[in-house]
Amino acid sequence: MRNLKRLVSAGIRCPDPVEVRENVLVMTFLGDKEGWASPRLKDAQLSAAESVELYVELILAVRKMFHQCKLAHADLSEYNILFHEGHLWIIDVSQSVEHDHPSICV
């Protein structure tokens, strides 16, 4: 929850954390009004132009995550990015580490 709150406060698109109790985290649903979840980036149907725009969006989000949130995602892949409302949304930040963690190579 702490990591999601940091992303939200930095303006990075991610699910909003709602509540945490013990090991259960409740967050906002990213999907359509019929209840279908937004696709992972891996499964999204994108044009070449969209892909270029989204690549730039991702680089800016990762940069902001590192410099402003002081976090490195630790498992960022096409499986942990959703395509929702025409933008990329970062998910699964539970394993994110502080930017000065000894395993982070800059």
Protein backbone atom coordinates (compact mmCIF):
# COMPACT_ATOMS: atom_id res chain seq x y z
CA MET A 1 0.00 0.00 0.00
CA ARG A 2 2.86 2.32 0.83
CA ASN A 3 4.37 1.91 -2.64
CA LEU A 4 1.03 2.50 -4.39
CA LYS A 5 0.48 5.65 -2.32
CA ARG A 6 3.88 6.94 -3.41
CA LEU A 7 3.01 6.37 -7.07
CA VAL A 8 -0.40 8.01 -6.70
CA SER A 9 1.12 11.07 -5.00
CA ALA A 10 3.62 11.40 -7.87
CA GLY A 11 0.84 11.27 -10.46
CA ILE A 12 1.87 7.89 -11.88
CA ARG A 13 -1.07 5.92 -13.22
CA CYS A 14 -1.70 2.93 -10.96
CA PRO A 15 -4.66 1.44 -9.07
CA ASP A 16 -5.68 3.59 -6.11
CA PRO A 17 -5.15 1.78 -2.82
CA VAL A 18 -8.38 1.62 -0.83
CA GLU A 19 -7.73 -0.51 2.25
CA VAL A 20 -5.21 -2.94 3.64
CA ARG A 21 -5.84 -5.50 6.38
CA GLU A 22 -3.22 -8.07 7.27
CA ASN A 23 -2.10 -9.43 3.86
CA VAL A 24 -5.14 -8.27 1.87
CA LEU A 25 -4.88 -5.11 -0.24
CA VAL A 26 -8.01 -3.65 -1.80
CA MET A 27 -7.51 -1.27 -4.72
CA THR A 28 -9.56 0.24 -7.51
CA PHE A 29 -10.56 -1.93 -10.46
CA LEU A 30 -9.06 -1.13 -13.86
CA GLY A 31 -11.50 -2.26 -16.49
CA ASP A 32 -14.71 -1.46 -18.29
CA LYS A 33 -18.25 -0.94 -16.98
CA GLU A 34 -19.18 -4.53 -17.84
CA GLY A 35 -16.54 -5.82 -15.43
CA TRP A 36 -13.87 -6.89 -17.96
CA ALA A 37 -10.37 -6.17 -16.74
CA SER A 38 -8.11 -3.96 -18.84
CA PRO A 39 -5.54 -5.98 -20.80
CA ARG A 40 -1.96 -6.44 -19.76
CA LEU A 41 0.43 -4.63 -22.09
CA LYS A 42 1.41 -8.07 -23.38
CA ASP A 43 -2.15 -8.66 -24.62
CA ALA A 44 -3.07 -5.14 -25.79
CA GLN A 45 -3.71 -4.58 -29.49
CA LEU A 46 -1.65 -1.48 -30.32
CA SER A 47 -0.71 0.30 -33.52
CA ALA A 48 2.92 1.22 -34.21
CA ALA A 49 2.16 4.88 -33.45
CA GLU A 50 0.48 3.98 -30.13
CA SER A 51 3.45 1.80 -29.21
CA VAL A 52 5.88 4.69 -29.70
CA GLU A 53 3.74 7.06 -27.60
CA LEU A 54 3.33 4.47 -24.86
CA TYR A 55 7.07 3.74 -24.83
CA VAL A 56 7.75 7.40 -24.08
CA GLU A 57 4.99 7.36 -21.43
CA LEU A 58 6.59 4.31 -19.78
CA ILE A 59 10.08 5.81 -19.74
CA LEU A 60 8.74 8.98 -18.11
CA ALA A 61 6.79 6.97 -15.52
CA VAL A 62 9.81 4.83 -14.62
CA ARG A 63 11.98 7.94 -14.35
CA LYS A 64 9.43 9.63 -12.07
CA MET A 65 9.11 6.43 -10.03
CA PHE A 66 12.87 6.36 -9.49
CA HIS A 67 13.58 10.06 -8.93
CA GLN A 68 10.39 11.26 -7.25
CA CYS A 69 9.07 8.13 -5.49
CA LYS A 70 12.58 6.81 -4.78
CA LEU A 71 11.48 3.34 -5.94
CA ALA A 72 12.63 0.76 -8.47
CA HIS A 73 9.82 -1.56 -9.58
CA ALA A 74 11.90 -4.78 -9.38
CA ASP A 75 9.52 -6.74 -11.66
CA LEU A 76 8.53 -4.36 -14.45
CA SER A 77 7.46 -6.24 -17.56
CA GLU A 78 4.62 -6.40 -20.07
CA TYR A 79 2.80 -8.53 -17.48
CA ASN A 80 2.81 -5.80 -14.81
CA ILE A 81 1.61 -2.94 -16.98
CA LEU A 82 -2.04 -2.58 -17.95
CA PHE A 83 -3.40 -0.72 -20.97
CA HIS A 84 -6.37 1.21 -19.61
CA GLU A 85 -8.18 4.23 -21.09
CA GLY A 86 -5.43 4.72 -23.68
CA HIS A 87 -2.60 4.86 -21.14
CA LEU A 88 -0.22 2.58 -19.30
CA TRP A 89 -0.98 1.76 -15.68
CA ILE A 90 1.72 0.30 -13.44
CA ILE A 91 0.66 -2.62 -11.24
CA ASP A 92 2.28 -5.09 -8.83
CA VAL A 93 4.57 -2.67 -7.04
CA SER A 94 4.65 -4.83 -3.91
CA GLN A 95 8.21 -5.93 -4.64
CA SER A 96 9.48 -2.44 -5.40
CA VAL A 97 12.60 -1.45 -3.52
CA GLU A 98 14.11 1.85 -2.48
CA HIS A 99 16.21 3.45 -5.20
CA ASP A 100 19.37 3.13 -3.11
CA HIS A 101 18.94 -0.62 -2.52
CA PRO A 102 22.30 -2.45 -2.93
CA SER A 103 20.96 -4.61 -5.78
CA ILE A 104 19.97 -1.62 -7.94
CA CYS A 105 22.41 -0.90 -10.73
CA VAL A 106 22.27 2.62 -12.14
